[in-house]
Amino acid sequence: MALRFDPTDPAFVQDPYPFYRELRENSPVHFEASLGGWVCTRHADVQAILRDPRLIRPPVGSVLLGQVPDDVRAQLATFERKLATSLPFANPPDHTRLRALVGKAFTQPTIEALRPRIQSLVDDRLDRLTPHADLLTDFCYPIPTAVIMELVGVPASARETLHEWVVDITPIIGNSLPSADPVGIARRAAAATAAFSDYLDELIEQRRKEPRPDLLSDLLAVTDTTGGLTNDELTLQILILLIAGTETTVHYIGNAVHALLRNPHQLALLREDLSLIETAAEELLRFEGPVPLSTPQLAAHDLEIGGRRIEKGSLVYPVLGAANRDPRRFTDPDLLDLRRPLGGVLSFGGGIHACFGAQLARTEARIALASLLRRFPGIRLDDAAPAPVYRPDATLRGLTSLPVCL
């Protein structure tokens, strides 16, 4: 039987790892006709791809709007133009300039200064939990959402609306893969982006008049004195920060809790020794990361990956979820081992496009997991509720709900 990489297959959605294993062992650099590109699954290859300057970000429209009919795409021209100015889809020198400006908000001292506030938010959500709770809705979502919104400077009164827009925009990131409704995804994302832009334009004017100790005011100060960012660029960087700071961290924490509950011996190990939280959080990220498939790359030159010739102009898909389970890099990779030595996890990407919010996400996950186990050591899956299932999205792996008993 011919090998295929089909992220729309329901069996793949619920457990992609057997599919990853088959590709990794039998066709590690695999041309997938349905994607029009090369799917790469071995750790060494994926790590090299992420760092290779000969691989660049492709034009955003051809990747994210490639399934959208031309007449509809013409209506989304403004949306496409704006999206191309965001960090995940920019190439040097624009990417270098944008990252230097935005990355200043995610220094180690800044993250450390946020610890007390993150702990306070976690404690508040733990206080609100009921004996039977959907941990995804009641715990995993509120914490990262509040942290990134406060960091940016979004008023509390607007956070629910902005989060709704973020939810509508996030699926466009995965629109490079086959989907049941590519036009609907693109239209909803465009409408939400327009509404978000209008709101942020108003907030920008408020911050220009009355700066506050937040990221938006800091970026405006740089922009207004040096011309660092245009309004469109500023809007899109804030939007991407909100997407990365909510959806991915939400499912990092949710997947981690789910993995622990399915591995009771490891859960007991961490519960009895919370000093393991740093290695545990990294291992949980490796085992069931929220971003299993990186943004596709475009070969700007002819090159070779894993012994296969990749021609200039070809798309390359690095599969982080498969690389994180490669036995050539990790011993017994399908086993959750909270004592596993640190290093090698590719869940936050690498190279110039490595996630600059990675340390913030790690910090939130460590505080959330340790506090949850300290407060509710007897936590378990709620057997009376439907078993958790994964969202049908190959680029953002996460549950639709996580019912637990506390």
Protein backbone atom coordinates (compact mmCIF):
# COMPACT_ATOMS: atom_id res chain seq x y z
CA MET A 1 0.00 0.00 0.00
CA ALA A 2 1.32 3.46 -0.95
CA LEU A 3 2.30 5.67 1.97
CA ARG A 4 0.26 8.84 2.47
CA PHE A 5 0.29 11.78 4.82
CA ASP A 6 -3.38 12.61 5.31
CA PRO A 7 -3.97 14.93 8.28
CA THR A 8 -7.72 14.90 7.58
CA ASP A 9 -8.03 11.17 8.37
CA PRO A 10 -10.02 10.86 11.65
CA ALA A 11 -7.71 8.06 12.81
CA PHE A 12 -4.73 10.36 12.24
CA VAL A 13 -6.36 13.18 14.19
CA GLN A 14 -6.88 11.02 17.26
CA ASP A 15 -3.47 9.31 17.16
CA PRO A 16 -1.00 10.50 14.52
CA TYR A 17 2.01 8.72 15.98
CA PRO A 18 1.62 5.35 14.16
CA PHE A 19 1.35 7.29 10.90
CA TYR A 20 4.41 9.35 11.78
CA ARG A 21 6.32 6.17 12.64
CA GLU A 22 5.50 4.54 9.31
CA LEU A 23 6.65 7.58 7.35
CA ARG A 24 9.74 8.08 9.50
CA GLU A 25 10.88 4.50 9.03
CA ASN A 26 9.88 3.92 5.40
CA SER A 27 9.80 7.32 3.70
CA PRO A 28 11.38 9.95 5.98
CA VAL A 29 11.53 12.52 3.17
CA HIS A 30 8.20 11.84 1.52
CA PHE A 31 6.66 13.64 -1.43
CA GLU A 32 2.94 14.10 -0.70
CA ALA A 33 1.04 14.96 -3.87
CA SER A 34 -2.01 16.22 -1.95
CA LEU A 35 0.19 18.90 -0.35
CA GLY A 36 2.41 19.50 -3.34
CA GLY A 37 5.48 19.23 -1.15
CA TRP A 38 7.91 17.14 0.87
CA VAL A 39 6.96 15.83 4.34
CA CYS A 40 9.98 15.34 6.61
CA THR A 41 9.74 13.30 9.81
CA ARG A 42 13.23 12.48 11.14
CA HIS A 43 14.67 14.59 13.95
CA ALA A 44 18.01 15.31 12.26
CA ASP A 45 16.31 16.37 9.02
CA VAL A 46 13.68 18.54 10.72
CA GLN A 47 16.27 20.24 12.91
CA ALA A 48 18.42 20.98 9.85
CA ILE A 49 15.42 22.30 7.87
CA LEU A 50 14.50 24.76 10.61
CA ARG A 51 18.01 26.23 10.56
CA ASP A 52 18.79 26.15 6.83
CA PRO A 53 18.86 29.66 5.29
CA ARG A 54 18.20 28.13 1.87
CA LEU A 55 14.66 27.39 3.07
CA ILE A 56 12.47 30.48 3.42
CA ARG A 57 8.83 31.32 4.09
CA PRO A 58 6.71 31.00 0.93
CA PRO A 59 4.30 33.75 -0.19
CA VAL A 60 1.54 33.71 2.41
CA GLY A 61 -1.29 33.72 -0.13
CA SER A 62 -0.08 30.72 -2.08
CA VAL A 63 0.19 28.68 1.12
CA LEU A 64 -2.67 29.81 3.34
CA LEU A 65 -5.08 30.81 0.58
CA GLY A 66 -4.01 28.27 -2.02
CA GLN A 67 -7.32 26.37 -1.75
CA VAL A 68 -9.41 29.54 -2.03
CA PRO A 69 -10.90 30.32 -5.48
CA ASP A 70 -9.35 33.30 -7.26
CA ASP A 71 -12.52 35.40 -7.14
CA VAL A 72 -12.77 34.98 -3.35
CA ARG A 73 -9.04 35.50 -2.91
CA ALA A 74 -9.32 38.81 -4.77
CA GLN A 75 -11.84 39.92 -2.14
CA LEU A 76 -9.30 39.04 0.56
CA ALA A 77 -6.41 41.00 -0.95
CA THR A 78 -6.16 43.41 2.00
CA PHE A 79 -6.16 40.51 4.46
CA GLU A 80 -3.47 38.71 2.46
CA ARG A 81 -1.31 41.83 2.31
CA LYS A 82 -1.57 42.38 6.06
CA LEU A 83 -0.89 38.74 6.95
CA ALA A 84 2.32 38.82 4.92
CA THR A 85 3.72 41.45 7.32
CA SER A 86 3.50 39.15 10.36
CA LEU A 87 6.54 37.46 11.89
CA PRO A 88 5.64 33.82 11.06
CA PHE A 89 5.47 34.59 7.33
CA ALA A 90 8.18 37.25 6.90
CA ASN A 91 11.69 36.63 5.59
CA PRO A 92 14.89 38.58 6.27
CA PRO A 93 15.54 41.46 6.32
CA ASP A 94 11.94 42.30 7.34
CA HIS A 95 11.79 39.35 9.72
CA THR A 96 15.07 40.37 11.36
CA ARG A 97 13.80 43.90 12.00
CA LEU A 98 10.41 42.76 13.31
CA ARG A 99 11.85 40.11 15.60
CA ALA A 100 14.40 42.50 17.07
CA LEU A 101 11.62 44.91 18.00
CA VAL A 102 9.00 42.48 19.30
CA GLY A 103 11.45 40.07 20.94
CA LYS A 104 12.47 42.72 23.47
CA ALA A 105 9.24 41.98 25.36
CA PHE A 106 10.25 38.37 25.99
CA THR A 107 13.60 38.66 27.72
CA GLN A 108 14.36 36.40 30.67
CA PRO A 109 14.07 39.26 33.23
CA THR A 110 10.65 40.19 31.80
CA ILE A 111 9.41 36.61 32.05
CA GLU A 112 10.74 36.24 35.60
CA ALA A 113 8.98 39.46 36.61
CA LEU A 114 5.69 37.94 35.42
CA ARG A 115 5.96 34.88 37.70
CA PRO A 116 4.02 36.35 40.67
CA ARG A 117 1.19 37.48 38.38
CA ILE A 118 1.04 34.10 36.62
CA GLN A 119 0.93 32.35 40.01
CA SER A 120 -1.89 34.66 41.14
CA LEU A 121 -3.93 33.92 38.00
CA VAL A 122 -3.36 30.17 38.42
CA ASP A 123 -4.40 30.25 42.08
CA ASP A 124 -7.53 32.22 41.21
CA ARG A 125 -8.60 29.64 38.60
CA LEU A 126 -7.88 26.77 41.00
CA ASP A 127 -10.10 28.46 43.61
CA ARG A 128 -12.96 28.49 41.09
CA LEU A 129 -12.79 24.84 40.02
CA THR A 130 -15.69 22.56 40.97
CA PRO A 131 -15.35 18.83 41.83
CA HIS A 132 -16.36 17.94 38.26
CA ALA A 133 -14.76 20.37 35.80
CA ASP A 134 -13.82 20.77 32.18
CA LEU A 135 -10.20 21.60 32.82
CA LEU A 136 -9.69 22.92 29.29
CA THR A 137 -12.41 25.56 29.61
CA ASP A 138 -12.09 26.30 33.31
CA PHE A 139 -8.31 26.25 33.74
CA CYS A 140 -6.22 25.87 30.58
CA TYR A 141 -7.86 28.65 28.57
CA PRO A 142 -8.21 31.47 31.11
CA ILE A 143 -4.61 31.53 32.32
CA PRO A 144 -2.63 32.02 29.06
CA THR A 145 -5.35 34.31 27.73
CA ALA A 146 -5.11 36.61 30.75
CA VAL A 147 -1.29 36.54 30.80
CA ILE A 148 -0.77 37.56 27.16
CA MET A 149 -3.64 40.08 27.15
CA GLU A 150 -2.23 41.78 30.27
CA LEU A 151 1.28 41.75 28.82
CA VAL A 152 0.07 43.41 25.61
CA GLY A 153 -2.16 45.87 27.47
CA VAL A 154 -5.65 44.80 26.37
CA PRO A 155 -8.29 46.12 28.81
CA ALA A 156 -10.16 43.42 30.71
CA SER A 157 -13.48 44.58 29.21
CA ALA A 158 -12.29 43.74 25.67
CA ARG A 159 -10.54 40.42 26.28
CA GLU A 160 -13.48 38.12 25.64
CA THR A 161 -14.21 39.78 22.28
CA LEU A 162 -10.56 39.70 21.25
CA HIS A 163 -10.33 36.06 22.21
CA GLU A 164 -13.31 35.30 19.94
CA TRP A 165 -11.50 37.01 17.08
CA VAL A 166 -8.33 35.04 17.83
CA VAL A 167 -10.33 31.78 17.71
CA ASP A 168 -11.68 32.76 14.27
CA ILE A 169 -8.24 33.73 12.95
CA THR A 170 -6.19 30.79 14.28
CA PRO A 171 -7.43 28.16 11.75
CA ILE A 172 -5.99 30.17 8.85
CA ILE A 173 -2.52 29.16 10.09
CA GLY A 174 -3.41 25.55 9.22
CA ASN A 175 -5.09 26.38 5.92
CA SER A 176 -2.03 25.17 4.01
CA LEU A 177 -3.35 21.65 4.59
CA PRO A 178 -6.49 20.17 3.03
CA SER A 179 -9.62 21.25 4.90
CA ALA A 180 -13.36 20.82 4.50
CA ASP A 181 -14.09 24.56 4.34
CA PRO A 182 -11.05 26.57 3.17
CA VAL A 183 -13.21 29.47 1.92
CA GLY A 184 -15.12 29.68 5.21
CA ILE A 185 -11.89 29.60 7.21
CA ALA A 186 -10.41 32.39 5.09
CA ARG A 187 -13.54 34.58 5.21
CA ARG A 188 -13.93 34.25 9.00
CA ALA A 189 -10.23 35.00 9.51
CA ALA A 190 -10.39 38.05 7.24
CA ALA A 191 -13.48 39.44 8.99
CA ALA A 192 -11.97 38.87 12.43
CA THR A 193 -8.66 40.44 11.36
CA ALA A 194 -10.49 43.53 10.08
CA ALA A 195 -12.41 43.88 13.34
CA PHE A 196 -9.24 43.33 15.35
CA SER A 197 -7.40 45.97 13.29
CA ASP A 198 -10.16 48.52 13.84
CA TYR A 199 -10.12 47.88 17.59
CA LEU A 200 -6.34 48.05 17.85
CA ASP A 201 -6.21 51.29 15.87
CA GLU A 202 -8.37 52.84 18.60
CA LEU A 203 -6.27 51.32 21.37
CA ILE A 204 -3.08 52.58 19.69
CA GLU A 205 -4.40 56.13 19.71
CA GLN A 206 -5.32 55.79 23.39
CA ARG A 207 -1.82 54.55 24.24
CA ARG A 208 -0.21 57.37 22.25
CA LYS A 209 -2.08 59.85 24.43
CA GLU A 210 -1.72 57.92 27.67
CA PRO A 211 1.16 55.39 27.63
CA ARG A 212 1.04 52.59 30.18
CA PRO A 213 3.53 49.96 31.36
CA ASP A 214 2.57 47.42 28.70
CA LEU A 215 3.98 45.94 25.49
CA LEU A 216 1.79 48.02 23.19
CA SER A 217 3.04 51.28 24.73
CA ASP A 218 6.66 50.05 24.54
CA LEU A 219 6.34 49.17 20.84
CA LEU A 220 4.66 52.49 20.13
CA ALA A 221 7.49 54.35 21.82
CA VAL A 222 9.98 52.66 19.49
CA THR A 223 7.75 53.17 16.45
CA ASP A 224 7.08 56.84 17.08
CA THR A 225 10.73 57.72 17.72
CA THR A 226 12.49 55.56 15.10
CA GLY A 227 9.78 54.46 12.69
CA GLY A 228 10.25 50.89 13.86
CA LEU A 229 6.83 49.52 12.91
CA THR A 230 4.03 50.67 10.66
CA ASN A 231 0.51 50.51 12.08
CA ASP A 232 -0.28 47.43 9.97
CA GLU A 233 2.90 45.72 11.15
CA LEU A 234 2.19 46.60 14.78
CA THR A 235 -1.37 45.30 14.52
CA LEU A 236 -0.30 42.01 12.97
CA GLN A 237 2.54 41.41 15.46
CA ILE A 238 0.13 41.94 18.36
CA LEU A 239 -2.37 39.60 16.71
CA ILE A 240 0.23 36.86 16.23
CA LEU A 241 1.34 37.31 19.85
CA LEU A 242 -2.23 36.77 21.02
CA ILE A 243 -2.62 33.65 18.86
CA ALA A 244 0.69 32.16 19.99
CA GLY A 245 0.21 33.28 23.58
CA THR A 246 -3.23 31.74 23.95
CA GLU A 247 -4.02 28.79 21.67
CA THR A 248 -0.64 27.06 21.72
CA THR A 249 -0.07 27.51 25.46
CA VAL A 250 -3.63 26.42 26.24
CA HIS A 251 -3.07 23.12 24.47
CA TYR A 252 0.46 22.74 25.82
CA ILE A 253 -1.06 22.69 29.32
CA GLY A 254 -4.15 20.68 28.33
CA ASN A 255 -2.17 18.01 26.47
CA ALA A 256 0.28 17.81 29.37
CA VAL A 257 -2.45 17.17 31.94
CA HIS A 258 -4.12 14.63 29.65
CA ALA A 259 -0.82 12.78 29.13
CA LEU A 260 -0.21 12.64 32.89
CA LEU A 261 -3.70 11.30 33.57
CA ARG A 262 -3.13 8.56 30.97
CA ASN A 263 0.21 7.65 32.58
CA PRO A 264 -0.58 7.23 36.30
CA HIS A 265 2.92 6.08 37.29
CA GLN A 266 4.44 9.24 35.84
CA LEU A 267 1.67 11.33 37.40
CA ALA A 268 2.50 9.81 40.81
CA LEU A 269 6.22 10.46 40.25
CA LEU A 270 5.64 14.17 39.61
CA ARG A 271 3.03 14.53 42.35
CA GLU A 272 5.49 13.11 44.89
CA ASP A 273 8.45 15.17 43.65
CA LEU A 274 7.50 18.54 42.17
CA SER A 275 11.19 19.42 41.87
CA LEU A 276 10.97 17.46 38.60
CA ILE A 277 8.66 20.08 37.09
CA GLU A 278 11.26 21.55 34.70
CA THR A 279 12.20 18.26 33.06
CA ALA A 280 8.59 17.05 33.31
CA ALA A 281 7.19 20.07 31.46
CA GLU A 282 9.77 19.64 28.68
CA GLU A 283 9.09 15.92 28.36
CA LEU A 284 5.35 16.56 28.20
CA LEU A 285 6.01 19.10 25.46
CA ARG A 286 7.97 16.47 23.53
CA PHE A 287 5.44 13.73 24.13
CA GLU A 288 2.32 15.63 23.02
CA GLY A 289 3.25 19.09 21.79
CA PRO A 290 0.58 21.56 20.63
CA VAL A 291 2.26 22.38 17.29
CA PRO A 292 3.07 19.08 15.54
CA LEU A 293 3.54 20.58 12.08
CA SER A 294 5.59 23.69 11.37
CA THR A 295 4.75 26.31 8.75
CA PRO A 296 5.87 24.96 5.36
CA GLN A 297 9.19 26.16 3.98
CA LEU A 298 10.08 27.06 0.40
CA ALA A 299 13.34 25.87 -1.14
CA ALA A 300 15.06 29.01 -2.45
CA HIS A 301 17.82 26.82 -3.95
CA ASP A 302 18.26 23.22 -5.02
CA LEU A 303 19.25 21.20 -1.96
CA GLU A 304 19.36 17.74 -0.45
CA ILE A 305 17.41 16.53 2.60
CA GLY A 306 17.90 13.02 3.95
CA GLY A 307 19.47 11.87 0.70
CA ARG A 308 16.60 13.20 -1.45
CA ARG A 309 17.05 15.99 -4.00
CA ILE A 310 14.72 18.92 -3.33
CA GLU A 311 14.37 21.25 -6.28
CA LYS A 312 14.23 25.02 -6.01
CA GLY A 313 10.62 26.17 -5.58
CA SER A 314 9.52 23.03 -3.71
CA LEU A 315 7.55 23.18 -0.46
CA VAL A 316 8.96 21.37 2.58
CA TYR A 317 6.83 20.44 5.61
CA PRO A 318 8.81 19.81 8.85
CA VAL A 319 6.77 17.49 11.10
CA LEU A 320 7.78 18.43 14.64
CA GLY A 321 5.50 15.82 16.23
CA ALA A 322 7.24 13.03 14.31
CA ALA A 323 10.74 14.39 15.01
CA ASN A 324 9.97 14.50 18.74
CA ARG A 325 9.26 10.75 18.67
CA ASP A 326 12.31 9.74 16.61
CA PRO A 327 14.13 6.80 18.29
CA ARG A 328 17.38 7.97 16.69
CA ARG A 329 17.24 10.98 19.03
CA PHE A 330 15.15 9.80 22.01
CA THR A 331 15.33 6.41 23.75
CA ASP A 332 11.91 4.70 23.91
CA PRO A 333 10.27 7.83 22.42
CA ASP A 334 6.69 6.55 22.75
CA LEU A 335 7.09 6.27 26.52
CA LEU A 336 6.46 9.26 28.76
CA ASP A 337 9.53 9.61 30.98
CA LEU A 338 9.53 12.66 33.24
CA ARG A 339 13.16 12.03 34.16
CA ARG A 340 14.30 12.15 30.55
CA PRO A 341 17.39 14.41 30.15
CA LEU A 342 16.63 17.85 28.76
CA GLY A 343 17.44 18.73 25.16
CA GLY A 344 16.41 18.08 21.59
CA VAL A 345 12.70 18.95 21.79
CA LEU A 346 11.62 20.79 18.63
CA SER A 347 8.10 21.81 19.64
CA PHE A 348 8.95 25.52 19.55
CA GLY A 349 10.70 25.28 16.19
CA GLY A 350 14.23 26.47 15.59
CA GLY A 351 16.43 28.83 13.62
CA ILE A 352 15.32 32.39 12.96
CA HIS A 353 11.65 31.44 13.29
CA ALA A 354 11.96 29.76 16.69
CA CYS A 355 9.10 30.86 18.93
CA PHE A 356 10.29 33.87 20.94
CA GLY A 357 7.48 33.27 23.46
CA ALA A 358 8.76 29.78 24.26
CA GLN A 359 10.11 30.69 27.69
CA LEU A 360 6.87 32.39 28.67
CA ALA A 361 4.89 29.29 27.63
CA ARG A 362 7.26 27.03 29.57
CA THR A 363 6.96 29.22 32.64
CA GLU A 364 3.15 29.22 32.50
CA ALA A 365 3.04 25.44 32.02
CA ARG A 366 5.40 24.73 34.92
CA ILE A 367 3.48 26.98 37.31
CA ALA A 368 0.09 25.67 36.17
CA LEU A 369 1.01 21.96 36.38
CA ALA A 370 2.81 22.17 39.73
CA SER A 371 0.02 24.24 41.29
CA LEU A 372 -2.70 21.94 39.96
CA LEU A 373 -1.06 18.81 41.41
CA ARG A 374 -0.30 20.54 44.68
CA ARG A 375 -3.92 21.66 45.08
CA PHE A 376 -5.64 18.55 43.66
CA PRO A 377 -3.31 15.55 44.05
CA GLY A 378 -6.19 13.14 43.42
CA ILE A 379 -7.12 14.55 40.01
CA ARG A 380 -8.34 11.95 37.51
CA LEU A 381 -10.26 11.73 34.26
CA ASP A 382 -14.03 11.85 34.74
CA ASP A 383 -15.14 8.35 33.72
CA ALA A 384 -18.78 9.47 33.66
CA ALA A 385 -18.06 12.02 30.89
CA PRO A 386 -17.28 11.26 27.24
CA ALA A 387 -13.62 10.43 26.64
CA PRO A 388 -11.55 13.42 25.53
CA VAL A 389 -11.10 13.73 21.76
CA TYR A 390 -8.68 15.81 19.72
CA ARG A 391 -9.67 18.73 17.53
CA PRO A 392 -9.59 18.02 13.78
CA ASP A 393 -6.58 20.24 13.17
CA ALA A 394 -3.18 18.84 12.18
CA THR A 395 -1.34 22.10 12.89
CA LEU A 396 -2.70 22.73 16.41
CA ARG A 397 -2.98 19.53 18.41
CA GLY A 398 -5.31 19.86 21.35
CA LEU A 399 -8.44 18.49 22.97
CA THR A 400 -11.99 19.73 22.54
CA SER A 401 -12.59 19.25 26.28
CA LEU A 402 -10.89 17.69 29.31
CA PRO A 403 -13.44 16.51 31.89
CA VAL A 404 -11.85 15.66 35.24
CA CYS A 405 -12.76 14.79 38.79
CA LEU A 406 -10.93 16.75 41.47
